[in-house]
C-alpha cells in the first residue's frame, strides 16, 4: 500500500523487453489497452530510454494563440527539451500529461520551407489554406498571424488546431522518433480516418517525413490500428505495478483488439447483409420477425438504439468499425427507421455521418403499431375499428394491450405470405429489396 504522496513503483516486465526492441526498429507501432494499463507510462519510459532524438507528444496538447511570436535561435533546444521532460517525469508528485511543445513557438521555429510544407499538409488533410500574414496590411514591421482561408487560426476548431499541432510536431527534423499519446483526442471520427490514412501512407511518409525512423501511437481508436502490418500492433496490460506488452501475431488477435476497441459490443455488425437501426423495442421485434420470415437465408443486423438520438451514437460506432461509411461497402446497406416525431436535426445528422438520404425511413404516424398488418390485427382485436395509442396502451374495439404484448402477439401470427401495410412495404421493404438485389 502506497502513501498518498508516494509514486507507484510501476515497471515494465522483463518478458516485454524484446517487444520494446522490436518497436524501436519498426516504422510504426501501435499500443492499445484499457485505461490505466500503462500506455502513457510506457511512452514516457521509452522517451527517457531512447534519449534526445525522441519527441513525446502527450494528450494535454490543446493550445491556442492569436499572433505568432518571434523566434530566437537556441542551439541547445533538443537538450533543453529533453532535460525539461526528464525533470518533470522524475520529480512530479502526480501524473502530468503536458506536452513540452508550444504550437506558437513550434511554427515560428520551422524554416520557411517547412512552414510551406505544413500549409501543404493541412490543405491535403483538411482542405484549408494556411498563410502567414501581417496584422497590418502593407506593413512588414507589424506582427504576423496565421490565416486559415482568410481568418485567424485562433478562430478555428479545437480539432483543427490539434491536427495542426500534431503535424507541426512531426515536421521537426531534430527528431527521428515520435511517440504520440492518443492521436485521436478532440478529432472527429471522419478527420481521424483522414489523418490515419495520411500518417500510414508510405508515399506521404517519404515525401513529408523522411527524417522519421519510428512513429509510435498509444490509442483507444480502431482507426489508428496498423492494418498494413498487423504485427506492428501491441496490447498493453498491467497487473499490480507490472506492465506487460504482447505483440499481435495474427488476424484473429487483430480482430480481437479491434472488437475490444469497439467496447466489446456491436458484435451483430460483423458481416451482415443489411444493418437496420431502429429506435425502440417494438420496432426491433416486429422488423426482426418480418425480415426473418421473408428472407430466412439472409443475415440481418437489427440494432435497437432505444431512442432516436442514440441512433447517431450507434452510427458513430459503426463509423469506427467501417472507418468511413461513404467509402465502405455498407454505404447503401444501412437503414435508419424513425417515428414521425423525432429529434430535431436527426435526419440531417445521419446524412452528414454518411447515411444515404433515401435509406432514412420516417413513418407518417408516431408508432410502429400503425404499420402492423390489418389481417393480423383483425385476428387479435376483431374486424373493423381503428388503432388508438395512449402512452404504452394500444386499444381497438374496446380491447387493450401494452405495446410489447401486442407486438408479441403480432409476431407470432406473421408468416412469409402475410400482406404488409402499403406504407411499410413502400417505405421500408422496397429499400430492403433494393439493397439485397
Protein backbone atom coordinates (compact mmCIF):
# COMPACT_ATOMS: atom_id res chain seq x y z
CA UNK A 1 0.00 0.00 0.00
CA UNK A 2 1.37 3.38 -1.02
CA UNK A 3 1.21 6.61 0.93
CA UNK A 4 -0.92 9.37 -0.56
CA UNK A 5 2.11 11.22 -1.98
CA UNK A 6 4.18 8.17 -2.89
CA UNK A 7 4.88 7.49 -6.54
CA UNK A 8 3.94 3.92 -7.62
CA UNK A 9 6.75 1.53 -8.45
CA UNK A 10 5.42 0.81 -11.94
CA UNK A 11 7.84 -1.07 -14.19
CA UNK A 12 7.91 -2.98 -17.47
CA UNK A 13 8.20 -6.75 -17.22
CA UNK A 14 11.39 -8.46 -18.33
CA UNK A 15 9.40 -10.59 -20.80
CA UNK A 16 8.27 -7.42 -22.56
CA UNK A 17 11.77 -6.12 -23.27
CA UNK A 18 12.15 -7.97 -26.62
CA UNK A 19 8.98 -6.28 -27.86
CA UNK A 20 10.41 -2.87 -26.95
CA UNK A 21 13.40 -3.65 -29.18
CA UNK A 22 11.01 -4.58 -31.99
CA UNK A 23 9.14 -1.32 -31.53
CA UNK A 24 12.40 0.63 -31.65
CA UNK A 25 13.24 -0.93 -35.01
CA UNK A 26 9.74 -0.55 -36.52
CA UNK A 27 8.48 2.11 -38.91
CA UNK A 28 5.21 2.14 -36.98
CA UNK A 29 3.98 0.74 -33.67
CA UNK A 30 0.52 0.97 -32.11
CA UNK A 31 -0.18 0.38 -28.42
CA UNK A 32 -3.70 -0.42 -27.22
CA UNK A 33 -5.15 -1.28 -23.84
CA UNK A 34 -7.58 -0.27 -21.13
CA UNK A 35 -7.38 3.00 -19.25
CA UNK A 36 -4.67 2.89 -16.58
CA UNK A 37 -2.95 -0.09 -18.22
CA UNK A 38 0.33 1.82 -18.54
CA UNK A 39 0.37 3.07 -22.15
CA UNK A 40 1.32 6.64 -21.19
CA UNK A 41 3.85 5.37 -18.67
CA UNK A 42 5.35 3.20 -21.40
CA UNK A 43 5.67 6.13 -23.84
CA UNK A 44 7.35 8.29 -21.21
CA UNK A 45 9.69 5.48 -20.24
CA UNK A 46 10.68 5.00 -23.88
CA UNK A 47 11.28 8.73 -24.24
CA UNK A 48 13.64 8.58 -21.28
CA UNK A 49 15.42 5.46 -22.55
CA UNK A 50 15.81 6.44 -26.19
CA UNK A 51 17.11 9.93 -25.46
CA UNK A 52 17.16 13.32 -27.10
CA UNK A 53 16.29 12.08 -30.60
CA UNK A 54 12.78 11.23 -29.36
CA UNK A 55 9.84 13.66 -29.28
CA UNK A 56 6.95 12.80 -26.93
CA UNK A 57 3.54 14.39 -27.55
CA UNK A 58 1.23 13.90 -24.58
CA UNK A 59 -2.57 14.14 -24.52
CA UNK A 60 -2.66 17.63 -22.95
CA UNK A 61 -1.85 19.47 -26.18
CA UNK A 62 -4.85 21.78 -26.60
CA UNK A 63 -3.38 25.19 -27.42
CA UNK A 64 -4.47 28.50 -28.89
CA UNK A 65 -2.76 31.74 -29.81
CA UNK A 66 -3.68 34.89 -31.70
CA UNK A 67 -0.37 36.05 -33.20
CA UNK A 68 2.93 34.42 -33.98
CA UNK A 69 5.81 35.09 -31.61
CA UNK A 70 9.37 35.92 -32.52
CA UNK A 71 11.89 33.13 -32.99
CA UNK A 72 15.15 33.27 -31.05
CA UNK A 73 17.61 30.52 -32.04
CA UNK A 74 18.60 28.11 -29.29
CA UNK A 75 21.45 25.74 -30.09
CA UNK A 76 20.61 23.68 -27.01
CA UNK A 77 16.92 23.25 -27.86
CA UNK A 78 17.00 19.45 -28.00
CA UNK A 79 18.96 19.10 -24.78
CA UNK A 80 16.79 21.66 -23.00
CA UNK A 81 13.58 19.96 -24.11
CA UNK A 82 14.84 16.54 -23.02
CA UNK A 83 16.06 17.88 -19.68
CA UNK A 84 12.72 19.61 -19.09
CA UNK A 85 10.88 16.37 -19.84
CA UNK A 86 13.11 14.27 -17.55
CA UNK A 87 12.83 16.75 -14.68
CA UNK A 88 9.04 16.71 -14.91
CA UNK A 89 8.89 12.94 -15.38
CA UNK A 90 11.16 12.16 -12.43
CA UNK A 91 10.04 14.77 -9.94
CA UNK A 92 6.28 15.02 -10.44
CA UNK A 93 4.07 14.11 -7.49
CA UNK A 94 1.16 13.34 -9.78
CA UNK A 95 0.66 12.14 -13.33
CA UNK A 96 1.08 15.20 -15.56
CA UNK A 97 0.35 14.84 -19.27
CA UNK A 98 1.50 18.23 -20.54
CA UNK A 99 3.39 18.17 -23.83
CA UNK A 100 6.71 20.06 -23.91
CA UNK A 101 5.59 21.74 -27.12
CA UNK A 102 4.19 25.20 -27.76
CA UNK A 103 2.39 25.39 -31.12
CA UNK A 104 3.02 29.12 -31.48
CA UNK A 105 6.75 28.68 -30.91
CA UNK A 106 6.95 25.45 -32.91
CA UNK A 107 5.53 27.12 -36.03
CA UNK A 108 7.87 30.09 -35.59
CA UNK A 109 10.85 27.71 -35.32
CA UNK A 110 10.05 25.99 -38.62
CA UNK A 111 12.04 27.09 -41.65
CA UNK A 112 10.16 28.91 -44.39
CA UNK A 113 10.27 25.71 -46.44
CA UNK A 114 8.83 23.66 -43.58
CA UNK A 115 6.05 26.20 -42.98
CA UNK A 116 5.13 25.85 -46.65
CA UNK A 117 5.11 22.09 -46.16
CA UNK A 118 2.86 22.49 -43.10
CA UNK A 119 0.46 24.56 -45.19
CA UNK A 120 0.51 21.92 -47.92
CA UNK A 121 -0.21 19.08 -45.48
CA UNK A 122 -3.07 20.94 -43.78
CA UNK A 123 -4.62 21.59 -47.19
CA UNK A 124 -4.30 17.88 -48.05
CA UNK A 125 -5.83 16.81 -44.72
CA UNK A 126 -8.43 19.50 -44.07
CA UNK A 127 -8.88 21.36 -47.33
CA UNK A 128 -7.88 24.65 -45.69
CA UNK A 129 -5.18 27.04 -46.87
CA UNK A 130 -2.73 28.29 -44.22
CA UNK A 131 -0.91 31.58 -44.87
CA UNK A 132 1.38 33.79 -42.81
CA UNK A 133 0.02 37.35 -42.90
CA UNK A 134 0.78 40.69 -41.25
CA UNK A 135 -1.68 42.12 -38.75
CA UNK A 136 -1.43 45.48 -40.52
CA UNK A 137 -1.81 45.38 -44.28
CA UNK A 138 1.21 46.69 -46.22
CA UNK A 139 3.30 46.96 -43.04
CA UNK A 140 6.04 44.32 -42.92
CA UNK A 141 7.04 45.52 -39.43
CA UNK A 142 3.70 44.57 -37.93
CA UNK A 143 3.24 41.27 -36.12
CA UNK A 144 2.29 38.18 -38.06
CA UNK A 145 -0.58 35.74 -37.67
CA UNK A 146 -1.70 32.54 -39.35
CA UNK A 147 -4.61 32.95 -41.73
CA UNK A 148 -6.88 29.97 -42.38
CA UNK A 149 -8.90 30.67 -45.51
CA UNK A 150 -8.99 34.34 -44.52
CA UNK A 151 -9.44 34.24 -40.76
CA UNK A 152 -7.14 33.82 -37.77
CA UNK A 153 -6.07 30.31 -36.74
CA UNK A 154 -7.31 31.12 -33.22
CA UNK A 155 -10.90 31.03 -34.52
CA UNK A 156 -10.63 27.52 -35.94
CA UNK A 157 -11.99 24.47 -34.12
CA UNK A 158 -10.02 22.73 -31.41
CA UNK A 159 -9.80 19.66 -33.66
CA UNK A 160 -8.23 21.74 -36.44
CA UNK A 161 -5.59 23.08 -34.05
CA UNK A 162 -4.95 19.65 -32.55
CA UNK A 163 -4.23 18.23 -36.02
CA UNK A 164 -2.03 21.24 -36.81
CA UNK A 165 -0.14 20.70 -33.55
CA UNK A 166 0.46 17.04 -34.36
CA UNK A 167 1.65 17.72 -37.91
CA UNK A 168 3.89 20.61 -36.80
CA UNK A 169 5.49 18.33 -34.24
CA UNK A 170 6.20 15.67 -36.86
CA UNK A 171 7.92 18.20 -39.15
CA UNK A 172 10.69 18.85 -36.63
CA UNK A 173 13.80 17.27 -38.16
CA UNK A 174 15.67 17.40 -34.84
CA UNK A 175 13.91 14.11 -34.02
CA UNK A 176 13.78 10.74 -35.73
CA UNK A 177 11.27 9.12 -33.36
CA UNK A 178 7.85 10.42 -32.33
CA UNK A 179 5.71 8.97 -29.54
CA UNK A 180 2.12 10.25 -29.68
CA UNK A 181 -0.33 9.60 -26.85
CA UNK A 182 -3.92 9.31 -28.16
CA UNK A 183 -3.66 10.95 -31.61
CA UNK A 184 -7.46 10.79 -31.86
CA UNK A 185 -8.11 13.22 -28.99
CA UNK A 186 -10.50 16.03 -29.90
CA UNK A 187 -10.72 14.95 -33.55
CA UNK A 188 -13.93 13.84 -35.27
CA UNK A 189 -14.10 10.22 -36.50
CA UNK A 190 -14.05 11.39 -40.12
CA UNK A 191 -10.94 13.55 -39.56
CA UNK A 192 -9.32 10.70 -37.61
CA UNK A 193 -9.72 8.49 -40.66
CA UNK A 194 -8.19 11.08 -42.97
CA UNK A 195 -5.30 11.69 -40.55
CA UNK A 196 -4.62 7.97 -40.00
CA UNK A 197 -4.65 7.25 -43.74
CA UNK A 198 -2.19 10.10 -44.22
CA UNK A 199 0.20 9.01 -41.47
CA UNK A 200 0.21 5.36 -42.55
CA UNK A 201 0.73 6.20 -46.22
CA UNK A 202 4.28 5.27 -47.27
CA UNK A 203 4.40 7.88 -50.03
CA UNK A 204 3.36 10.72 -47.74
CA UNK A 205 5.80 9.47 -45.12
CA UNK A 206 8.64 9.56 -47.66
CA UNK A 207 7.60 12.95 -49.06
CA UNK A 208 6.96 14.88 -45.86
CA UNK A 209 8.58 12.94 -43.01
CA UNK A 210 11.64 11.20 -44.44
CA UNK A 211 13.52 12.05 -41.22
CA UNK A 212 11.21 9.87 -39.11
CA UNK A 213 12.57 6.44 -38.26
CA UNK A 214 9.84 5.31 -35.85
CA UNK A 215 6.31 6.55 -35.21
CA UNK A 216 4.51 5.14 -32.14
CA UNK A 217 0.83 5.67 -31.24
CA UNK A 218 -0.93 4.81 -27.98
CA UNK A 219 -4.61 4.83 -28.84
CA UNK A 220 -8.19 3.93 -27.92
CA UNK A 221 -9.33 4.27 -31.54
CA UNK A 222 -9.73 1.45 -34.05
CA UNK A 223 -8.89 3.97 -36.77
CA UNK A 224 -5.22 4.23 -35.72
CA UNK A 225 -4.56 0.50 -35.76
CA UNK A 226 -1.92 -0.52 -38.30
CA UNK A 227 -3.84 -2.60 -40.85
CA UNK A 228 -0.96 -2.79 -43.31
CA UNK A 229 1.20 -4.84 -40.96
CA UNK A 230 -0.77 -6.28 -38.06
CA UNK A 231 2.38 -7.28 -36.12
CA UNK A 232 3.01 -3.55 -35.58
CA UNK A 233 0.11 -3.57 -33.10
CA UNK A 234 0.69 -4.36 -29.41
CA UNK A 235 -1.55 -4.83 -26.39
CA UNK A 236 -0.59 -3.31 -23.04
CA UNK A 237 -1.85 -4.72 -19.73
CA UNK A 238 -0.95 -4.07 -16.12
CA UNK A 239 -1.16 -6.37 -13.11
CA UNK A 240 -0.30 -4.57 -9.91
CA UNK A 241 2.73 -2.47 -10.80
CA UNK A 242 3.92 -4.69 -13.67
CA UNK A 243 3.26 -3.71 -17.29
CA UNK A 244 3.09 -6.48 -19.90
CA UNK A 245 3.38 -5.95 -23.65
CA UNK A 246 2.23 -8.51 -26.22
CA UNK A 247 2.57 -8.38 -29.97
CA UNK A 248 -0.37 -9.09 -32.25
CA UNK A 249 0.64 -12.13 -34.29
CA UNK A 250 -2.35 -12.97 -36.50
CA UNK A 251 -5.68 -11.78 -37.86
CA UNK A 252 -7.62 -13.43 -35.04
CA UNK A 253 -5.69 -11.40 -32.45
CA UNK A 254 -6.11 -8.27 -34.57
CA UNK A 255 -9.88 -8.78 -34.77
CA UNK A 256 -9.93 -9.28 -31.01
CA UNK A 257 -8.30 -5.93 -30.25
CA UNK A 258 -10.44 -4.27 -32.93
CA UNK A 259 -13.52 -5.62 -31.17
CA UNK A 260 -12.10 -4.57 -27.78
CA UNK A 261 -11.67 -1.00 -29.01
CA UNK A 262 -15.34 -1.02 -30.02
CA UNK A 263 -16.24 -1.64 -26.39
CA UNK A 264 -16.75 -5.40 -26.78
CA UNK A 265 -20.16 -4.61 -28.23
CA UNK A 266 -21.78 -4.23 -31.65
CA UNK A 267 -20.97 -7.83 -32.45
CA UNK A 268 -24.01 -8.02 -34.73
CA UNK A 269 -22.24 -5.74 -37.21
CA UNK A 270 -19.82 -8.42 -38.37
CA UNK A 271 -20.69 -9.27 -41.98
CA UNK A 272 -24.49 -8.88 -42.05
CA UNK A 273 -26.13 -8.34 -45.43
CA UNK A 274 -28.01 -5.33 -44.11
CA UNK A 275 -27.94 -3.15 -40.98
CA UNK A 276 -31.17 -1.62 -39.70
CA UNK A 277 -31.12 0.97 -36.92
CA UNK A 278 -34.40 1.34 -35.01
CA UNK A 279 -35.37 3.46 -32.02
CA UNK A 280 -37.46 1.14 -29.88
CA UNK A 281 -38.04 -2.39 -28.66
CA UNK A 282 -41.29 -2.93 -30.56
CA UNK A 283 -39.75 -1.69 -33.83
CA UNK A 284 -36.87 -4.10 -33.21
CA UNK A 285 -39.12 -7.11 -32.51
CA UNK A 286 -41.50 -6.52 -35.42
CA UNK A 287 -38.91 -5.68 -38.09
CA UNK A 288 -36.69 -8.57 -36.98
CA UNK A 289 -39.59 -11.01 -37.30
CA UNK A 290 -40.73 -9.68 -40.69
CA UNK A 291 -37.23 -9.91 -42.17
CA UNK A 292 -36.65 -13.37 -40.68
CA UNK A 293 -39.90 -14.63 -42.20
CA UNK A 294 -39.44 -13.01 -45.62
CA UNK A 295 -35.69 -13.63 -46.02
CA UNK A 296 -34.88 -16.76 -43.97
CA UNK A 297 -31.47 -17.33 -45.59
CA UNK A 298 -30.22 -13.73 -45.25
CA UNK A 299 -28.34 -12.38 -42.23
CA UNK A 300 -29.52 -9.02 -40.89
CA UNK A 301 -28.31 -6.86 -38.02
CA UNK A 302 -31.24 -5.08 -36.40
CA UNK A 303 -29.87 -2.63 -33.83
CA UNK A 304 -32.19 -1.27 -31.14
CA UNK A 305 -30.78 2.16 -30.27
CA UNK A 306 -33.51 2.73 -27.63
CA UNK A 307 -34.06 6.33 -28.79
CA UNK A 308 -33.77 8.38 -31.97
CA UNK A 309 -30.95 10.49 -30.50
CA UNK A 310 -28.88 7.39 -29.71
CA UNK A 311 -29.11 6.26 -33.33
CA UNK A 312 -26.41 8.88 -34.00
CA UNK A 313 -24.22 7.32 -31.31
CA UNK A 314 -24.72 3.84 -32.76
CA UNK A 315 -23.91 5.09 -36.26
CA UNK A 316 -20.78 6.78 -34.91
CA UNK A 317 -19.66 3.43 -33.51
CA UNK A 318 -20.33 1.90 -36.92
CA UNK A 319 -18.07 4.54 -38.44
CA UNK A 320 -15.27 3.44 -36.12
CA UNK A 321 -15.73 -0.10 -37.36
CA UNK A 322 -16.03 0.84 -41.04
CA UNK A 323 -13.57 3.80 -40.85
CA UNK A 324 -15.57 5.80 -43.42
CA UNK A 325 -19.14 4.78 -44.20
CA UNK A 326 -19.07 6.66 -47.50
CA UNK A 327 -16.11 4.53 -48.72
CA UNK A 328 -17.48 1.31 -47.26
CA UNK A 329 -19.45 -1.47 -48.97
CA UNK A 330 -22.03 -0.81 -46.25
CA UNK A 331 -22.73 2.67 -47.65
CA UNK A 332 -26.06 1.60 -49.20
CA UNK A 333 -26.74 -1.20 -46.71
CA UNK A 334 -27.53 0.79 -43.57
CA UNK A 335 -31.16 1.83 -42.95
CA UNK A 336 -32.40 4.07 -40.13
CA UNK A 337 -36.08 3.87 -39.13
CA UNK A 338 -37.60 6.89 -37.35
CA UNK A 339 -41.05 7.72 -35.98
CA UNK A 340 -42.87 10.75 -37.36
CA UNK A 341 -41.93 12.55 -34.13
CA UNK A 342 -38.16 12.54 -33.77
CA UNK A 343 -35.35 14.75 -32.52
CA UNK A 344 -34.74 17.95 -34.42
CA UNK A 345 -31.96 17.59 -36.95
CA UNK A 346 -31.64 13.80 -36.58
CA UNK A 347 -32.02 13.03 -40.32
CA UNK A 348 -29.53 15.76 -41.31
CA UNK A 349 -27.04 14.49 -38.71
CA UNK A 350 -27.32 10.93 -40.03
CA UNK A 351 -26.77 12.15 -43.59
CA UNK A 352 -23.70 14.14 -42.53
CA UNK A 353 -22.30 10.95 -40.98
CA UNK A 354 -22.55 9.13 -44.30
CA UNK A 355 -26.04 7.60 -44.34
CA UNK A 356 -27.83 7.81 -47.69
CA UNK A 357 -30.89 10.14 -47.51
CA UNK A 358 -33.04 7.55 -49.30
CA UNK A 359 -32.18 5.00 -46.58
CA UNK A 360 -33.78 7.05 -43.80
CA UNK A 361 -37.34 5.82 -43.22
CA UNK A 362 -39.74 8.20 -41.43
CA UNK A 363 -43.21 6.82 -40.67
CA UNK A 364 -46.20 9.07 -41.31
CA UNK A 365 -47.59 8.34 -37.82
CA UNK A 366 -45.86 8.05 -34.48
CA UNK A 367 -45.68 4.35 -33.69
CA UNK A 368 -44.81 1.07 -35.40
CA UNK A 369 -48.19 -0.22 -34.21
CA UNK A 370 -49.90 1.69 -37.06
CA UNK A 371 -47.87 -0.43 -39.53
CA UNK A 372 -48.95 -3.84 -38.27
CA UNK A 373 -50.74 -5.91 -40.95
CA UNK A 374 -54.51 -5.41 -40.87
CA UNK A 375 -55.14 -9.14 -41.33
CA UNK A 376 -53.14 -9.84 -38.18
CA UNK A 377 -54.80 -7.06 -36.16
CA UNK A 378 -58.23 -8.47 -37.07
CA UNK A 379 -57.25 -11.82 -35.56
CA UNK A 380 -56.19 -10.06 -32.34
CA UNK A 381 -58.84 -7.32 -31.98
CA UNK A 382 -61.62 -8.46 -34.29
CA UNK A 383 -62.77 -6.87 -37.53
CA UNK A 384 -63.23 -3.11 -38.09
CA UNK A 385 -62.15 -0.39 -35.71
CA UNK A 386 -59.01 1.69 -35.66
CA UNK A 387 -55.90 1.60 -33.52
CA UNK A 388 -55.66 4.14 -30.68
CA UNK A 389 -52.46 4.62 -28.70
CA UNK A 390 -52.33 6.14 -25.22
CA UNK A 391 -48.72 6.11 -23.98
CA UNK A 392 -47.97 2.36 -23.57
CA UNK A 393 -51.53 1.15 -24.25
CA UNK A 394 -52.80 0.14 -27.68
CA UNK A 395 -56.60 -0.04 -27.97
CA UNK A 396 -59.10 -1.17 -30.58
CA UNK A 397 -62.69 -2.34 -30.28
CA UNK A 398 -62.51 -1.97 -26.50
CA UNK A 399 -59.59 -4.38 -26.21
CA UNK A 400 -56.30 -3.11 -24.73
CA UNK A 401 -52.76 -4.47 -24.79
CA UNK A 402 -49.43 -2.95 -23.88
CA UNK A 403 -47.18 -2.21 -26.84
CA UNK A 404 -44.90 -5.14 -26.08
CA UNK A 405 -47.83 -7.51 -25.52
CA UNK A 406 -49.34 -6.52 -28.86
CA UNK A 407 -46.02 -6.82 -30.68
CA UNK A 408 -45.52 -10.31 -29.27
CA UNK A 409 -48.97 -11.38 -30.48
CA UNK A 410 -48.41 -9.86 -33.92
CA UNK A 411 -45.02 -11.55 -34.37
CA UNK A 412 -46.46 -14.96 -33.51
CA UNK A 413 -49.08 -14.61 -36.25
CA UNK A 414 -46.73 -13.47 -39.02
CA UNK A 415 -45.83 -15.80 -41.86
CA UNK A 416 -43.98 -15.36 -45.18
CA UNK A 417 -47.27 -14.74 -47.04
CA UNK A 418 -48.62 -12.07 -44.65
CA UNK A 419 -49.71 -8.98 -46.59
CA UNK A 420 -47.89 -5.98 -45.13
CA UNK A 421 -49.35 -2.49 -44.91
CA UNK A 422 -48.63 -0.41 -48.02
CA UNK A 423 -46.58 2.22 -46.14
CA UNK A 424 -44.38 -0.45 -44.58
CA UNK A 425 -43.87 -2.05 -48.00
CA UNK A 426 -43.29 1.18 -49.91
CA UNK A 427 -41.02 2.91 -47.39
CA UNK A 428 -39.11 0.03 -45.84
CA UNK A 429 -39.34 -3.29 -47.68
CA UNK A 430 -38.65 -1.59 -51.01
CA UNK A 431 -35.29 -0.37 -49.65
CA UNK A 432 -34.51 -3.83 -48.32
CA UNK A 433 -35.22 -5.33 -51.74
CA UNK A 434 -33.05 -2.73 -53.43
CA UNK A 435 -30.17 -3.33 -51.02
CA UNK A 436 -30.30 -7.08 -51.46
CA UNK A 437 -30.67 -7.04 -55.24
